[in-house]
PDB file of N, CA and C in Angstrom:
ATOM      1  N   MET A   1      55.351  -7.326  39.018  1.00  0.00           N
ATOM      2  CA  MET A   1      55.149  -8.562  39.738  1.00  0.00           C
ATOM      3  C   MET A   1      54.470  -9.541  38.806  1.00  0.00           C
ATOM      4  N   TYR A   2      54.856 -10.809  38.930  1.00  0.00           N
ATOM      5  CA  TYR A   2      54.293 -11.840  38.084  1.00  0.00           C
ATOM      6  C   TYR A   2      54.376 -13.192  38.769  1.00  0.00           C
ATOM      7  N   ALA A   3      53.641 -14.146  38.228  1.00  0.00           N
ATOM      8  CA  ALA A   3      53.660 -15.520  38.724  1.00  0.00           C
ATOM      9  C   ALA A   3      53.805 -16.449  37.532  1.00  0.00           C
ATOM     10  N   VAL A   4      54.322 -17.633  37.790  1.00  0.00           N
ATOM     11  CA  VAL A   4      54.411 -18.667  36.766  1.00  0.00           C
ATOM     12  C   VAL A   4      53.461 -19.780  37.193  1.00  0.00           C
ATOM     13  N   ILE A   5      52.480 -20.081  36.331  1.00  0.00           N
ATOM     14  CA  ILE A   5      51.498 -21.120  36.643  1.00  0.00           C
ATOM     15  C   ILE A   5      51.659 -22.283  35.677  1.00  0.00           C
ATOM     16  N   LYS A   6      51.190 -23.437  36.105  1.00  0.00           N
ATOM     17  CA  LYS A   6      51.245 -24.631  35.263  1.00  0.00           C
ATOM     18  C   LYS A   6      49.819 -25.106  35.008  1.00  0.00           C
ATOM     19  N   THR A   7      49.463 -25.247  33.725  1.00  0.00           N
ATOM     20  CA  THR A   7      48.151 -25.763  33.350  1.00  0.00           C
ATOM     21  C   THR A   7      48.233 -26.355  31.948  1.00  0.00           C
ATOM     22  N   GLY A   8      47.547 -27.459  31.751  1.00  0.00           N
ATOM     23  CA  GLY A   8      47.515 -28.079  30.443  1.00  0.00           C
ATOM     24  C   GLY A   8      48.851 -28.597  29.963  1.00  0.00           C
ATOM     25  N   GLY A   9      49.750 -28.945  30.890  1.00  0.00           N
ATOM     26  CA  GLY A   9      51.061 -29.450  30.503  1.00  0.00           C
ATOM     27  C   GLY A   9      52.037 -28.364  30.096  1.00  0.00           C
ATOM     28  N   LYS A  10      51.666 -27.100  30.250  1.00  0.00           N
ATOM     29  CA  LYS A  10      52.540 -25.975  29.891  1.00  0.00           C
ATOM     30  C   LYS A  10      52.641 -25.018  31.068  1.00  0.00           C
ATOM     31  N   GLN A  11      53.644 -24.151  31.017  1.00  0.00           N
ATOM     32  CA  GLN A  11      53.816 -23.127  32.039  1.00  0.00           C
ATOM     33  C   GLN A  11      53.642 -21.760  31.394  1.00  0.00           C
ATOM     34  N   TYR A  12      52.976 -20.851  32.123  1.00  0.00           N
ATOM     35  CA  TYR A  12      52.692 -19.513  31.623  1.00  0.00           C
ATOM     36  C   TYR A  12      53.136 -18.479  32.647  1.00  0.00           C
ATOM     37  N   ARG A  13      53.738 -17.390  32.165  1.00  0.00           N
ATOM     38  CA  ARG A  13      54.114 -16.260  33.020  1.00  0.00           C
ATOM     39  C   ARG A  13      52.950 -15.272  32.953  1.00  0.00           C
ATOM     40  N   VAL A  14      52.324 -15.005  34.109  1.00  0.00           N
ATOM     41  CA  VAL A  14      51.138 -14.147  34.138  1.00  0.00           C
ATOM     42  C   VAL A  14      51.311 -13.027  35.158  1.00  0.00           C
ATOM     43  N   ALA A  15      50.656 -11.930  34.893  1.00  0.00           N
ATOM     44  CA  ALA A  15      50.608 -10.787  35.803  1.00  0.00           C
ATOM     45  C   ALA A  15      49.155 -10.326  35.856  1.00  0.00           C
ATOM     46  N   PRO A  16      48.744  -9.645  36.923  1.00  0.00           N
ATOM     47  CA  PRO A  16      47.366  -9.147  36.981  1.00  0.00           C
ATOM     48  C   PRO A  16      47.061  -8.236  35.795  1.00  0.00           C
ATOM     49  N   GLY A  17      45.937  -8.495  35.137  1.00  0.00           N
ATOM     50  CA  GLY A  17      45.546  -7.711  33.973  1.00  0.00           C
ATOM     51  C   GLY A  17      45.887  -8.374  32.644  1.00  0.00           C
ATOM     52  N   ASP A  18      46.701  -9.437  32.657  1.00  0.00           N
ATOM     53  CA  ASP A  18      47.073 -10.138  31.425  1.00  0.00           C
ATOM     54  C   ASP A  18      45.920 -10.980  30.907  1.00  0.00           C
ATOM     55  N   THR A  19      45.898 -11.181  29.591  1.00  0.00           N
ATOM     56  CA  THR A  19      44.955 -12.078  28.952  1.00  0.00           C
ATOM     57  C   THR A  19      45.750 -13.136  28.207  1.00  0.00           C
ATOM     58  N   LEU A  20      45.392 -14.416  28.403  1.00  0.00           N
ATOM     59  CA  LEU A  20      46.118 -15.479  27.728  1.00  0.00           C
ATOM     60  C   LEU A  20      45.184 -16.582  27.294  1.00  0.00           C
ATOM     61  N   ARG A  21      45.627 -17.355  26.307  1.00  0.00           N
ATOM     62  CA  ARG A  21      44.879 -18.508  25.811  1.00  0.00           C
ATOM     63  C   ARG A  21      45.512 -19.775  26.355  1.00  0.00           C
ATOM     64  N   ILE A  22      44.699 -20.588  27.003  1.00  0.00           N
ATOM     65  CA  ILE A  22      45.182 -21.857  27.533  1.00  0.00           C
ATOM     66  C   ILE A  22      44.340 -22.975  26.916  1.00  0.00           C
ATOM     67  N   GLU A  23      44.798 -24.213  27.101  1.00  0.00           N
ATOM     68  CA  GLU A  23      44.005 -25.337  26.637  1.00  0.00           C
ATOM     69  C   GLU A  23      42.704 -25.378  27.426  1.00  0.00           C
ATOM     70  N   LYS A  24      41.712 -26.019  26.849  1.00  0.00           N
ATOM     71  CA  LYS A  24      40.387 -26.073  27.472  1.00  0.00           C
ATOM     72  C   LYS A  24      40.492 -26.553  28.914  1.00  0.00           C
ATOM     73  N   ALA A  25      39.895 -25.798  29.845  1.00  0.00           N
ATOM     74  CA  ALA A  25      39.950 -26.111  31.268  1.00  0.00           C
ATOM     75  C   ALA A  25      38.572 -25.932  31.886  1.00  0.00           C
ATOM     76  N   ALA A  26      38.318 -26.659  32.960  1.00  0.00           N
ATOM     77  CA  ALA A  26      37.037 -26.553  33.667  1.00  0.00           C
ATOM     78  C   ALA A  26      36.974 -25.235  34.427  1.00  0.00           C
ATOM     79  N   HIS A  27      35.789 -24.616  34.425  1.00  0.00           N
ATOM     80  CA  HIS A  27      35.589 -23.358  35.164  1.00  0.00           C
ATOM     81  C   HIS A  27      34.164 -23.299  35.673  1.00  0.00           C
ATOM     82  N   ASP A  28      33.951 -22.472  36.708  1.00  0.00           N
ATOM     83  CA  ASP A  28      32.638 -22.314  37.320  1.00  0.00           C
ATOM     84  C   ASP A  28      32.079 -20.929  37.012  1.00  0.00           C
ATOM     85  N   ASN A  29      31.073 -20.876  36.148  1.00  0.00           N
ATOM     86  CA  ASN A  29      30.396 -19.618  35.805  1.00  0.00           C
ATOM     87  C   ASN A  29      31.368 -18.509  35.433  1.00  0.00           C
ATOM     88  N   GLY A  30      32.391 -18.844  34.685  1.00  0.00           N
ATOM     89  CA  GLY A  30      33.343 -17.838  34.214  1.00  0.00           C
ATOM     90  C   GLY A  30      34.501 -17.576  35.145  1.00  0.00           C
ATOM     91  N   ALA A  31      34.510 -18.165  36.337  1.00  0.00           N
ATOM     92  CA  ALA A  31      35.629 -17.980  37.274  1.00  0.00           C
ATOM     93  C   ALA A  31      36.552 -19.195  37.192  1.00  0.00           C
ATOM     94  N   ILE A  32      37.841 -18.948  37.137  1.00  0.00           N
ATOM     95  CA  ILE A  32      38.811 -20.033  37.052  1.00  0.00           C
ATOM     96  C   ILE A  32      39.934 -19.770  38.052  1.00  0.00           C
ATOM     97  N   GLU A  33      40.415 -20.835  38.673  1.00  0.00           N
ATOM     98  CA  GLU A  33      41.437 -20.714  39.716  1.00  0.00           C
ATOM     99  C   GLU A  33      42.596 -21.650  39.390  1.00  0.00           C
ATOM    100  N   PHE A  34      43.812 -21.116  39.414  1.00  0.00           N
ATOM    101  CA  PHE A  34      45.024 -21.900  39.187  1.00  0.00           C
ATOM    102  C   PHE A  34      45.756 -22.037  40.515  1.00  0.00           C
ATOM    103  N   SER A  35      45.805 -23.246  41.053  1.00  0.00           N
ATOM    104  CA  SER A  35      46.462 -23.448  42.341  1.00  0.00           C
ATOM    105  C   SER A  35      47.871 -24.011  42.182  1.00  0.00           C
ATOM    106  N   ASP A  36      48.250 -24.381  40.967  1.00  0.00           N
ATOM    107  CA  ASP A  36      49.588 -24.918  40.716  1.00  0.00           C
ATOM    108  C   ASP A  36      50.521 -23.777  40.317  1.00  0.00           C
ATOM    109  N   VAL A  37      50.982 -23.005  41.317  1.00  0.00           N
ATOM    110  CA  VAL A  37      51.873 -21.870  41.086  1.00  0.00           C
ATOM    111  C   VAL A  37      53.316 -22.357  41.250  1.00  0.00           C
ATOM    112  N   VAL A  38      54.116 -22.195  40.213  1.00  0.00           N
ATOM    113  CA  VAL A  38      55.494 -22.679  40.211  1.00  0.00           C
ATOM    114  C   VAL A  38      56.432 -21.647  40.840  1.00  0.00           C
ATOM    115  N   ALA A  39      56.236 -20.353  40.522  1.00  0.00           N
ATOM    116  CA  ALA A  39      57.116 -19.304  41.041  1.00  0.00           C
ATOM    117  C   ALA A  39      56.334 -17.999  41.140  1.00  0.00           C
ATOM    118  N   PHE A  40      56.817 -17.101  42.018  1.00  0.00           N
ATOM    119  CA  PHE A  40      56.218 -15.774  42.153  1.00  0.00           C
ATOM    120  C   PHE A  40      57.319 -14.768  42.413  1.00  0.00           C
ATOM    121  N   SER A  41      57.261 -13.639  41.721  1.00  0.00           N
ATOM    122  CA  SER A  41      58.228 -12.569  41.906  1.00  0.00           C
ATOM    123  C   SER A  41      57.475 -11.272  42.181  1.00  0.00           C
ATOM    124  N   GLY A  42      57.704 -10.711  43.372  1.00  0.00           N
ATOM    125  CA  GLY A  42      57.074  -9.441  43.724  1.00  0.00           C
ATOM    126  C   GLY A  42      57.910  -8.258  43.304  1.00  0.00           C
ATOM    127  N   ASP A  43      59.225  -8.408  43.363  1.00  0.00           N
ATOM    128  CA  ASP A  43      60.170  -7.370  42.974  1.00  0.00           C
ATOM    129  C   ASP A  43      61.046  -7.897  41.844  1.00  0.00           C
ATOM    130  N   GLU A  44      61.714  -7.001  41.164  1.00  0.00           N
ATOM    131  CA  GLU A  44      62.580  -7.381  40.055  1.00  0.00           C
ATOM    132  C   GLU A  44      63.732  -8.250  40.539  1.00  0.00           C
ATOM    133  N   GLY A  45      63.814  -9.480  40.028  1.00  0.00           N
ATOM    134  CA  GLY A  45      64.932 -10.371  40.340  1.00  0.00           C
ATOM    135  C   GLY A  45      64.823 -11.119  41.656  1.00  0.00           C
ATOM    136  N   LYS A  46      63.733 -10.949  42.421  1.00  0.00           N
ATOM    137  CA  LYS A  46      63.572 -11.642  43.701  1.00  0.00           C
ATOM    138  C   LYS A  46      62.350 -12.551  43.626  1.00  0.00           C
ATOM    139  N   PHE A  47      62.522 -13.793  44.106  1.00  0.00           N
ATOM    140  CA  PHE A  47      61.432 -14.756  44.079  1.00  0.00           C
ATOM    141  C   PHE A  47      61.014 -15.120  45.487  1.00  0.00           C
ATOM    142  N   GLU A  48      59.732 -15.411  45.649  1.00  0.00           N
ATOM    143  CA  GLU A  48      59.153 -15.795  46.941  1.00  0.00           C
ATOM    144  C   GLU A  48      59.617 -17.217  47.273  1.00  0.00           C
ATOM    145  N   PRO A  49      60.204 -17.426  48.467  1.00  0.00           N
ATOM    146  CA  PRO A  49      60.711 -18.775  48.793  1.00  0.00           C
ATOM    147  C   PRO A  49      59.608 -19.795  49.080  1.00  0.00           C
ATOM    148  N   LYS A  50      58.515 -19.381  49.726  1.00  0.00           N
ATOM    149  CA  LYS A  50      57.443 -20.320  50.057  1.00  0.00           C
ATOM    150  C   LYS A  50      56.188 -19.962  49.279  1.00  0.00           C
ATOM    151  N   LEU A  51      55.606 -20.978  48.643  1.00  0.00           N
ATOM    152  CA  LEU A  51      54.405 -20.766  47.845  1.00  0.00           C
ATOM    153  C   LEU A  51      53.234 -21.587  48.365  1.00  0.00           C
ATOM    154  N   ASP A  52      53.196 -21.842  49.673  1.00  0.00           N
ATOM    155  CA  ASP A  52      52.102 -22.620  50.256  1.00  0.00           C
ATOM    156  C   ASP A  52      50.796 -21.849  50.144  1.00  0.00           C
ATOM    157  N   GLY A  53      49.795 -22.448  49.530  1.00  0.00           N
ATOM    158  CA  GLY A  53      48.487 -21.814  49.398  1.00  0.00           C
ATOM    159  C   GLY A  53      48.429 -20.717  48.351  1.00  0.00           C
ATOM    160  N   ALA A  54      49.449 -20.598  47.521  1.00  0.00           N
ATOM    161  CA  ALA A  54      49.449 -19.567  46.479  1.00  0.00           C
ATOM    162  C   ALA A  54      48.487 -19.975  45.367  1.00  0.00           C
ATOM    163  N   LYS A  55      47.752 -18.996  44.847  1.00  0.00           N
ATOM    164  CA  LYS A  55      46.859 -19.270  43.734  1.00  0.00           C
ATOM    165  C   LYS A  55      46.656 -18.020  42.891  1.00  0.00           C
ATOM    166  N   VAL A  56      46.231 -18.254  41.671  1.00  0.00           N
ATOM    167  CA  VAL A  56      45.977 -17.180  40.719  1.00  0.00           C
ATOM    168  C   VAL A  56      44.511 -17.277  40.323  1.00  0.00           C
ATOM    169  N   LEU A  57      43.805 -16.149  40.402  1.00  0.00           N
ATOM    170  CA  LEU A  57      42.381 -16.107  40.070  1.00  0.00           C
ATOM    171  C   LEU A  57      42.181 -15.354  38.760  1.00  0.00           C
ATOM    172  N   GLY A  58      41.267 -15.869  37.941  1.00  0.00           N
ATOM    173  CA  GLY A  58      40.995 -15.226  36.669  1.00  0.00           C
ATOM    174  C   GLY A  58      39.549 -15.418  36.266  1.00  0.00           C
ATOM    175  N   GLU A  59      39.184 -14.787  35.161  1.00  0.00           N
ATOM    176  CA  GLU A  59      37.831 -14.930  34.634  1.00  0.00           C
ATOM    177  C   GLU A  59      37.923 -15.295  33.157  1.00  0.00           C
ATOM    178  N   VAL A  60      36.976 -16.113  32.710  1.00  0.00           N
ATOM    179  CA  VAL A  60      36.947 -16.573  31.331  1.00  0.00           C
ATOM    180  C   VAL A  60      36.367 -15.466  30.456  1.00  0.00           C
ATOM    181  N   VAL A  61      37.122 -15.068  29.440  1.00  0.00           N
ATOM    182  CA  VAL A  61      36.679 -14.042  28.502  1.00  0.00           C
ATOM    183  C   VAL A  61      35.926 -14.697  27.349  1.00  0.00           C
ATOM    184  N   SER A  62      36.493 -15.769  26.796  1.00  0.00           N
ATOM    185  CA  SER A  62      35.844 -16.461  25.687  1.00  0.00           C
ATOM    186  C   SER A  62      36.359 -17.887  25.577  1.00  0.00           C
ATOM    187  N   GLU A  63      35.630 -18.685  24.817  1.00  0.00           N
ATOM    188  CA  GLU A  63      36.028 -20.052  24.519  1.00  0.00           C
ATOM    189  C   GLU A  63      35.957 -20.229  23.014  1.00  0.00           C
ATOM    190  N   GLY A  64      36.750 -21.136  22.495  1.00  0.00           N
ATOM    191  CA  GLY A  64      36.706 -21.357  21.054  1.00  0.00           C
ATOM    192  C   GLY A  64      37.669 -22.436  20.621  1.00  0.00           C
ATOM    193  N   ARG A  65      37.933 -22.442  19.311  1.00  0.00           N
ATOM    194  CA  ARG A  65      38.862 -23.406  18.742  1.00  0.00           C
ATOM    195  C   ARG A  65      39.840 -22.656  17.861  1.00  0.00           C
ATOM    196  N   GLY A  66      41.088 -23.101  17.880  1.00  0.00           N
ATOM    197  CA  GLY A  66      42.137 -22.444  17.119  1.00  0.00           C
ATOM    198  C   GLY A  66      42.059 -22.742  15.629  1.00  0.00           C
ATOM    199  N   GLU A  67      43.077 -22.273  14.892  1.00  0.00           N
ATOM    200  CA  GLU A  67      43.132 -22.496  13.457  1.00  0.00           C
ATOM    201  C   GLU A  67      43.372 -23.968  13.152  1.00  0.00           C
ATOM    202  N   LYS A  68      42.939 -24.376  11.974  1.00  0.00           N
ATOM    203  CA  LYS A  68      43.089 -25.773  11.575  1.00  0.00           C
ATOM    204  C   LYS A  68      44.542 -26.050  11.193  1.00  0.00           C
ATOM    205  N   LEU A  69      45.071 -27.148  11.730  1.00  0.00           N
ATOM    206  CA  LEU A  69      46.386 -27.643  11.362  1.00  0.00           C
ATOM    207  C   LEU A  69      46.186 -28.877  10.496  1.00  0.00           C
ATOM    208  N   ILE A  70      46.975 -28.985   9.438  1.00  0.00           N
ATOM    209  CA  ILE A  70      46.887 -30.129   8.543  1.00  0.00           C
ATOM    210  C   ILE A  70      47.966 -31.136   8.938  1.00  0.00           C
ATOM    211  N   VAL A  71      47.537 -32.389   9.143  1.00  0.00           N
ATOM    212  CA  VAL A  71      48.459 -33.482   9.447  1.00  0.00           C
ATOM    213  C   VAL A  71      48.449 -34.386   8.227  1.00  0.00           C
ATOM    214  N   PHE A  72      49.588 -34.490   7.539  1.00  0.00           N
ATOM    215  CA  PHE A  72      49.669 -35.250   6.296  1.00  0.00           C
ATOM    216  C   PHE A  72      50.771 -36.293   6.399  1.00  0.00           C
ATOM    217  N   HIS A  73      50.384 -37.564   6.269  1.00  0.00           N
ATOM    218  CA  HIS A  73      51.344 -38.668   6.278  1.00  0.00           C
ATOM    219  C   HIS A  73      51.493 -39.175   4.849  1.00  0.00           C
ATOM    220  N   PHE A  74      52.732 -39.425   4.433  1.00  0.00           N
ATOM    221  CA  PHE A  74      52.992 -39.844   3.067  1.00  0.00           C
ATOM    222  C   PHE A  74      54.186 -40.788   3.054  1.00  0.00           C
ATOM    223  N   LYS A  75      54.003 -41.917   2.374  1.00  0.00           N
ATOM    224  CA  LYS A  75      55.115 -42.850   2.169  1.00  0.00           C
ATOM    225  C   LYS A  75      55.298 -43.026   0.673  1.00  0.00           C
ATOM    226  N   ARG A  76      56.443 -42.626   0.193  1.00  0.00           N
ATOM    227  CA  ARG A  76      56.666 -42.684  -1.245  1.00  0.00           C
ATOM    228  C   ARG A  76      56.802 -44.130  -1.733  1.00  0.00           C
ATOM    229  N   LYS A  77      56.424 -44.308  -2.972  1.00  0.00           N
ATOM    230  CA  LYS A  77      56.491 -45.600  -3.672  1.00  0.00           C
ATOM    231  C   LYS A  77      55.575 -46.666  -3.080  1.00  0.00           C
ATOM    232  N   LYS A  78      54.749 -46.349  -2.125  1.00  0.00           N
ATOM    233  CA  LYS A  78      53.872 -47.332  -1.475  1.00  0.00           C
ATOM    234  C   LYS A  78      52.389 -46.999  -1.650  1.00  0.00           C
ATOM    235  N   GLN A  79      52.087 -45.935  -2.363  1.00  0.00           N
ATOM    236  CA  GLN A  79      50.711 -45.506  -2.586  1.00  0.00           C
ATOM    237  C   GLN A  79      49.969 -45.262  -1.263  1.00  0.00           C
ATOM    238  N   TYR A  80      50.675 -44.680  -0.279  1.00  0.00           N
ATOM    239  CA  TYR A  80      50.077 -44.423   1.033  1.00  0.00           C
ATOM    240  C   TYR A  80      50.038 -42.930   1.286  1.00  0.00           C
ATOM    241  N   LYS A  81      48.829 -42.403   1.474  1.00  0.00           N
ATOM    242  CA  LYS A  81      48.635 -40.997   1.830  1.00  0.00           C
ATOM    243  C   LYS A  81      47.520 -40.927   2.859  1.00  0.00           C
ATOM    244  N   LYS A  82      47.701 -40.095   3.848  1.00  0.00           N
ATOM    245  CA  LYS A  82      46.672 -39.924   4.875  1.00  0.00           C
ATOM    246  C   LYS A  82      46.613 -38.448   5.236  1.00  0.00           C
ATOM    247  N   LEU A  83      45.452 -37.853   5.139  1.00  0.00           N
ATOM    248  CA  LEU A  83      45.262 -36.430   5.421  1.00  0.00           C
ATOM    249  C   LEU A  83      44.282 -36.280   6.573  1.00  0.00           C
ATOM    250  N   GLN A  84      44.661 -35.484   7.552  1.00  0.00           N
ATOM    251  CA  GLN A  84      43.801 -35.273   8.715  1.00  0.00           C
ATOM    252  C   GLN A  84      43.969 -33.839   9.197  1.00  0.00           C
ATOM    253  N   GLY A  85      42.904 -33.259   9.708  1.00  0.00           N
ATOM    254  CA  GLY A  85      42.960 -31.907  10.257  1.00  0.00           C
ATOM    255  C   GLY A  85      42.763 -31.932  11.757  1.00  0.00           C
ATOM    256  N   HIS A  86      43.226 -30.859  12.440  1.00  0.00           N
ATOM    257  CA  HIS A  86      43.078 -30.774  13.892  1.00  0.00           C
ATOM    258  C   HIS A  86      42.857 -29.316  14.284  1.00  0.00           C
ATOM    259  N   ARG A  87      41.885 -29.085  15.163  1.00  0.00           N
ATOM    260  CA  ARG A  87      41.656 -27.760  15.737  1.00  0.00           C
ATOM    261  C   ARG A  87      41.643 -27.911  17.253  1.00  0.00           C
ATOM    262  N   GLN A  88      42.556 -27.220  17.935  1.00  0.00           N
ATOM    263  CA  GLN A  88      42.687 -27.310  19.383  1.00  0.00           C
ATOM    264  C   GLN A  88      41.694 -26.372  20.066  1.00  0.00           C
ATOM    265  N   SER A  89      40.956 -26.879  21.039  1.00  0.00           N
ATOM    266  CA  SER A  89      40.034 -26.050  21.818  1.00  0.00           C
ATOM    267  C   SER A  89      40.832 -25.196  22.797  1.00  0.00           C
ATOM    268  N   PHE A  90      40.360 -23.984  23.055  1.00  0.00           N
ATOM    269  CA  PHE A  90      41.043 -23.097  23.989  1.00  0.00           C
ATOM    270  C   PHE A  90      40.046 -22.327  24.835  1.00  0.00           C
ATOM    271  N   VAL A  91      40.559 -21.763  25.932  1.00  0.00           N
ATOM    272  CA  VAL A  91      39.806 -20.862  26.798  1.00  0.00           C
ATOM    273  C   VAL A  91      40.661 -19.608  26.956  1.00  0.00           C
ATOM    274  N   GLU A  92      40.089 -18.454  26.687  1.00  0.00           N
ATOM    275  CA  GLU A  92      40.807 -17.196  26.863  1.00  0.00           C
ATOM    276  C   GLU A  92      40.507 -16.670  28.261  1.00  0.00           C
ATOM    277  N   VAL A  93      41.560 -16.437  29.053  1.00  0.00           N
ATOM    278  CA  VAL A  93      41.418 -16.097  30.470  1.00  0.00           C
ATOM    279  C   VAL A  93      42.064 -14.743  30.745  1.00  0.00           C
ATOM    280  N   LYS A  94      41.368 -13.914  31.523  1.00  0.00           N
ATOM    281  CA  LYS A  94      41.930 -12.638  31.995  1.00  0.00           C
ATOM    282  C   LYS A  94      42.303 -12.828  33.460  1.00  0.00           C
ATOM    283  N   ILE A  95      43.568 -12.576  33.797  1.00  0.00           N
ATOM    284  CA  ILE A  95      44.066 -12.750  35.159  1.00  0.00           C
ATOM    285  C   ILE A  95      43.658 -11.531  35.993  1.00  0.00           C
ATOM    286  N   ASN A  96      42.941 -11.780  37.105  1.00  0.00           N
ATOM    287  CA  ASN A  96      42.462 -10.697  37.957  1.00  0.00           C
ATOM    288  C   ASN A  96      43.327 -10.492  39.195  1.00  0.00           C
ATOM    289  N   GLU A  97      43.767 -11.583  39.812  1.00  0.00           N
ATOM    290  CA  GLU A  97      44.391 -11.470  41.130  1.00  0.00           C
ATOM    291  C   GLU A  97      45.385 -12.604  41.359  1.00  0.00           C
ATOM    292  N   ILE A  98      46.476 -12.278  42.058  1.00  0.00           N
ATOM    293  CA  ILE A  98      47.454 -13.275  42.491  1.00  0.00           C
ATOM    294  C   ILE A  98      47.497 -13.241  44.014  1.00  0.00           C
ATOM    295  N   LEU A  99      47.282 -14.403  44.651  1.00  0.00           N
ATOM    296  CA  LEU A  99      47.293 -14.510  46.109  1.00  0.00           C
ATOM    297  C   LEU A  99      48.510 -15.326  46.538  1.00  0.00           C
ATOM    298  N   VAL A 100      49.422 -14.703  47.300  1.00  0.00           N
ATOM    299  CA  VAL A 100      50.633 -15.380  47.773  1.00  0.00           C
ATOM    300  C   VAL A 100      50.926 -14.938  49.197  1.00  0.00           C
ATOM    301  N   GLY A 101      51.096 -15.905  50.095  1.00  0.00           N
ATOM    302  CA  GLY A 101      51.502 -15.606  51.471  1.00  0.00           C
ATOM    303  C   GLY A 101      50.592 -14.627  52.195  1.00  0.00           C
ATOM    304  N   GLY A 102      49.295 -14.690  51.960  1.00  0.00           N
ATOM    305  CA  GLY A 102      48.363 -13.786  52.624  1.00  0.00           C
ATOM    306  C   GLY A 102      48.265 -12.419  51.974  1.00  0.00           C
ATOM    307  N   LYS A 103      49.022 -12.162  50.921  1.00  0.00           N
ATOM    308  CA  LYS A 103      48.972 -10.882  50.220  1.00  0.00           C
ATOM    309  C   LYS A 103      48.192 -11.055  48.921  1.00  0.00           C
ATOM    310  N   SER A 104      47.515  -9.995  48.538  1.00  0.00           N
ATOM    311  CA  SER A 104      46.725 -10.024  47.313  1.00  0.00           C
ATOM    312  C   SER A 104      47.263  -8.958  46.355  1.00  0.00           C
ATOM    313  N   PHE A 105      47.506  -9.347  45.127  1.00  0.00           N
ATOM    314  CA  PHE A 105      47.972  -8.432  44.074  1.00  0.00           C
ATOM    315  C   PHE A 105      46.920  -8.420  42.983  1.00  0.00           C
ATOM    316  N   LYS A 106      46.269  -7.266  42.793  1.00  0.00           N
ATOM    317  CA  LYS A 106      45.186  -7.150  41.834  1.00  0.00           C
ATOM    318  C   LYS A 106      45.619  -6.290  40.646  1.00  0.00           C
ATOM    319  N   ALA A 107      44.832  -6.410  39.570  1.00  0.00           N
ATOM    320  CA  ALA A 107      45.090  -5.606  38.372  1.00  0.00           C
ATOM    321  C   ALA A 107      44.728  -4.152  38.640  1.00  0.00           C
ATOM    322  N   GLU A 108      45.536  -3.248  38.104  1.00  0.00           N
ATOM    323  CA  GLU A 108      45.255  -1.832  38.274  1.00  0.00           C
ATOM    324  C   GLU A 108      44.117  -1.435  37.346  1.00  0.00           C
ATOM    325  N   LYS A 109      43.169  -0.672  37.843  1.00  0.00           N
ATOM    326  CA  LYS A 109      42.044  -0.231  37.033  1.00  0.00           C
ATOM    327  C   LYS A 109      42.438   1.024  36.283  1.00  0.00           C
ATOM    328  N   LYS A 110      42.006   1.063  35.013  1.00  0.00           N
ATOM    329  CA  LYS A 110      42.374   2.214  34.167  1.00  0.00           C
ATOM    330  C   LYS A 110      41.253   3.213  34.096  1.00  0.00           C
TER     331      LYS A 110
END
């Protein structure tokens, strides 16, 4: 079973127990809630028709910044060069629970 959530302008396929890196997002004391659920599949190949009130709950594992990307602009014969670096902030989230249609799907404990 999995859900597709939308956050930070991107869509992610998540299942209970998954860990993923998303763009920096607001959270309360390590708890984060995704209410923009695009799709949910409980069984293989079958999708839930109604997603009213569906949400995905997770906890923040860590925060940080990604690797540096170099942005280099160059125009030949014009003596123009511009060098800039960029590091994207991220939040690493562990998905704990998916709530859809009054049902709760939690991660299996090992």
